[in-house]
Amino acid sequence: MQQDKHPDYHPVVFRDRAAGYAFLTRSTATSDRTIEWDDGETYPVVDVEISSESHPFYTGQARTVDTEGRVARFERRYGGADAGSSGGSTPSGGGEPA
């Protein structure tokens, strides 16, 4: 590996203040603020607005925007199952009389 070519990769704490959640990982992100972690060491801390603890998709609080199902919408547009029973002018087995 070439020296002085790669960024500084070090332990960093990412903190989601809205959820009260923080996790320690390695990153190239830097910060002037520090935090004392559970192991007694001091690490730089980066505050994030959203994490897996507060994101609606991961917490199961995601709302479905589509209130009508896809099948119901298809049936409403194209007639659905009862479209074929509307009655036609010709019987099902024959053509026009000769």
C-alpha atoms as a PDB file:
ATOM      1  CA  MET A   1       0.000   0.000   0.000  1.00  0.00           C
ATOM      2  CA  GLN A   2       1.388   3.393  -0.952  1.00  0.00           C
ATOM      3  CA  GLN A   3       1.951   5.835   1.868  1.00  0.00           C
ATOM      4  CA  ASP A   4       0.224   9.268   1.983  1.00  0.00           C
ATOM      5  CA  LYS A   5      -2.210   8.295  -0.767  1.00  0.00           C
ATOM      6  CA  HIS A   6      -5.166   7.096   1.303  1.00  0.00           C
ATOM      7  CA  PRO A   7      -7.318   9.179   3.666  1.00  0.00           C
ATOM      8  CA  ASP A   8      -7.075   8.817   7.444  1.00  0.00           C
ATOM      9  CA  TYR A   9      -9.366   5.952   8.474  1.00  0.00           C
ATOM     10  CA  HIS A  10     -10.053   6.029  12.207  1.00  0.00           C
ATOM     11  CA  PRO A  11     -12.719   5.197  14.839  1.00  0.00           C
ATOM     12  CA  VAL A  12     -15.623   7.694  14.901  1.00  0.00           C
ATOM     13  CA  VAL A  13     -18.886   7.827  16.866  1.00  0.00           C
ATOM     14  CA  PHE A  14     -22.013   8.657  14.857  1.00  0.00           C
ATOM     15  CA  ARG A  15     -24.828  10.009  17.023  1.00  0.00           C
ATOM     16  CA  ASP A  16     -28.524  10.393  16.202  1.00  0.00           C
ATOM     17  CA  ARG A  17     -29.772  12.932  18.715  1.00  0.00           C
ATOM     18  CA  ALA A  18     -33.445  12.524  17.764  1.00  0.00           C
ATOM     19  CA  ALA A  19     -33.419   8.830  18.676  1.00  0.00           C
ATOM     20  CA  GLY A  20     -30.824   9.021  21.443  1.00  0.00           C
ATOM     21  CA  TYR A  21     -28.706   6.447  19.612  1.00  0.00           C
ATOM     22  CA  ALA A  22     -24.968   6.367  18.948  1.00  0.00           C
ATOM     23  CA  PHE A  23     -22.653   3.801  17.449  1.00  0.00           C
ATOM     24  CA  LEU A  24     -18.910   3.436  17.087  1.00  0.00           C
ATOM     25  CA  THR A  25     -17.469   2.566  13.688  1.00  0.00           C
ATOM     26  CA  ARG A  26     -14.505   3.401  11.491  1.00  0.00           C
ATOM     27  CA  SER A  27     -14.726   6.237   9.003  1.00  0.00           C
ATOM     28  CA  THR A  28     -12.812   9.005   7.258  1.00  0.00           C
ATOM     29  CA  ALA A  29     -15.248  11.614   8.664  1.00  0.00           C
ATOM     30  CA  THR A  30     -13.747  14.199  10.992  1.00  0.00           C
ATOM     31  CA  SER A  31     -15.173  16.416  13.704  1.00  0.00           C
ATOM     32  CA  ASP A  32     -13.955  18.963  16.231  1.00  0.00           C
ATOM     33  CA  ARG A  33     -16.314  17.609  18.903  1.00  0.00           C
ATOM     34  CA  THR A  34     -15.423  14.536  20.931  1.00  0.00           C
ATOM     35  CA  ILE A  35     -17.269  12.097  23.163  1.00  0.00           C
ATOM     36  CA  GLU A  36     -16.140   9.658  25.809  1.00  0.00           C
ATOM     37  CA  TRP A  37     -17.322   6.199  24.791  1.00  0.00           C
ATOM     38  CA  ASP A  38     -18.267   3.231  27.001  1.00  0.00           C
ATOM     39  CA  ASP A  39     -14.744   1.820  26.852  1.00  0.00           C
ATOM     40  CA  GLY A  40     -13.306   4.991  28.423  1.00  0.00           C
ATOM     41  CA  GLU A  41     -11.660   6.221  25.204  1.00  0.00           C
ATOM     42  CA  THR A  42     -12.394   9.597  23.632  1.00  0.00           C
ATOM     43  CA  TYR A  43     -13.500   9.599  19.983  1.00  0.00           C
ATOM     44  CA  PRO A  44     -14.605  12.273  17.522  1.00  0.00           C
ATOM     45  CA  VAL A  45     -18.407  12.457  17.272  1.00  0.00           C
ATOM     46  CA  VAL A  46     -20.446  13.243  14.144  1.00  0.00           C
ATOM     47  CA  ASP A  47     -24.117  14.169  14.655  1.00  0.00           C
ATOM     48  CA  VAL A  48     -26.490  12.817  12.005  1.00  0.00           C
ATOM     49  CA  GLU A  49     -30.119  13.770  11.433  1.00  0.00           C
ATOM     50  CA  ILE A  50     -31.399  10.262  10.789  1.00  0.00           C
ATOM     51  CA  SER A  51     -30.171   6.729  11.427  1.00  0.00           C
ATOM     52  CA  SER A  52     -31.587   3.217  11.409  1.00  0.00           C
ATOM     53  CA  GLU A  53     -33.103   3.917  14.841  1.00  0.00           C
ATOM     54  CA  SER A  54     -35.184   6.876  13.631  1.00  0.00           C
ATOM     55  CA  HIS A  55     -35.798   6.124   9.933  1.00  0.00           C
ATOM     56  CA  PRO A  56     -39.468   5.193   9.308  1.00  0.00           C
ATOM     57  CA  PHE A  57     -38.566   2.284   7.018  1.00  0.00           C
ATOM     58  CA  TYR A  58     -36.412   0.538   9.617  1.00  0.00           C
ATOM     59  CA  THR A  59     -38.670   1.312  12.591  1.00  0.00           C
ATOM     60  CA  GLY A  60     -41.792  -0.071  10.874  1.00  0.00           C
ATOM     61  CA  GLN A  61     -43.597   3.264  10.987  1.00  0.00           C
ATOM     62  CA  ALA A  62     -43.527   3.810   7.233  1.00  0.00           C
ATOM     63  CA  ARG A  63     -46.902   4.882   5.913  1.00  0.00           C
ATOM     64  CA  THR A  64     -48.325   3.631   2.655  1.00  0.00           C
ATOM     65  CA  VAL A  65     -49.203   6.516   0.389  1.00  0.00           C
ATOM     66  CA  ASP A  66     -51.368   4.401  -1.919  1.00  0.00           C
ATOM     67  CA  THR A  67     -54.688   4.029  -0.083  1.00  0.00           C
ATOM     68  CA  GLU A  68     -56.320   2.028  -2.844  1.00  0.00           C
ATOM     69  CA  GLY A  69     -54.870  -1.339  -3.822  1.00  0.00           C
ATOM     70  CA  ARG A  70     -53.397  -1.940  -7.243  1.00  0.00           C
ATOM     71  CA  VAL A  71     -55.892  -4.691  -8.057  1.00  0.00           C
ATOM     72  CA  ALA A  72     -58.888  -2.546  -7.071  1.00  0.00           C
ATOM     73  CA  ARG A  73     -57.583   0.340  -9.141  1.00  0.00           C
ATOM     74  CA  PHE A  74     -57.109  -1.967 -12.147  1.00  0.00           C
ATOM     75  CA  GLU A  75     -60.644  -3.339 -11.797  1.00  0.00           C
ATOM     76  CA  ARG A  76     -62.091   0.163 -11.510  1.00  0.00           C
ATOM     77  CA  ARG A  77     -60.305   1.316 -14.674  1.00  0.00           C
ATOM     78  CA  TYR A  78     -60.831  -1.705 -16.863  1.00  0.00           C
ATOM     79  CA  GLY A  79     -64.113  -3.138 -15.611  1.00  0.00           C
ATOM     80  CA  GLY A  80     -62.815  -5.903 -13.392  1.00  0.00           C
ATOM     81  CA  ALA A  81     -64.347  -9.373 -13.120  1.00  0.00           C
ATOM     82  CA  ASP A  82     -67.915  -8.313 -13.928  1.00  0.00           C
ATOM     83  CA  ALA A  83     -67.006  -6.683 -17.277  1.00  0.00           C
ATOM     84  CA  GLY A  84     -67.600  -9.935 -19.198  1.00  0.00           C
ATOM     85  CA  SER A  85     -71.072 -10.468 -17.688  1.00  0.00           C
ATOM     86  CA  SER A  86     -72.551  -7.254 -19.033  1.00  0.00           C
ATOM     87  CA  GLY A  87     -74.290  -9.264 -21.731  1.00  0.00           C
ATOM     88  CA  GLY A  88     -73.505  -9.133 -25.389  1.00  0.00           C
ATOM     89  CA  SER A  89     -75.792  -9.051 -28.413  1.00  0.00           C
ATOM     90  CA  THR A  90     -74.538 -12.349 -29.804  1.00  0.00           C
ATOM     91  CA  PRO A  91     -74.709 -15.719 -28.132  1.00  0.00           C
ATOM     92  CA  SER A  92     -71.435 -17.194 -27.033  1.00  0.00           C
ATOM     93  CA  GLY A  93     -71.459 -20.141 -29.419  1.00  0.00           C
ATOM     94  CA  GLY A  94     -72.631 -18.736 -32.716  1.00  0.00           C
ATOM     95  CA  GLY A  95     -71.988 -16.091 -35.205  1.00  0.00           C
ATOM     96  CA  GLU A  96     -74.571 -14.205 -37.157  1.00  0.00           C
ATOM     97  CA  PRO A  97     -77.431 -16.255 -38.636  1.00  0.00           C
ATOM     98  CA  ALA A  98     -77.175 -16.988 -42.337  1.00  0.00           C
END
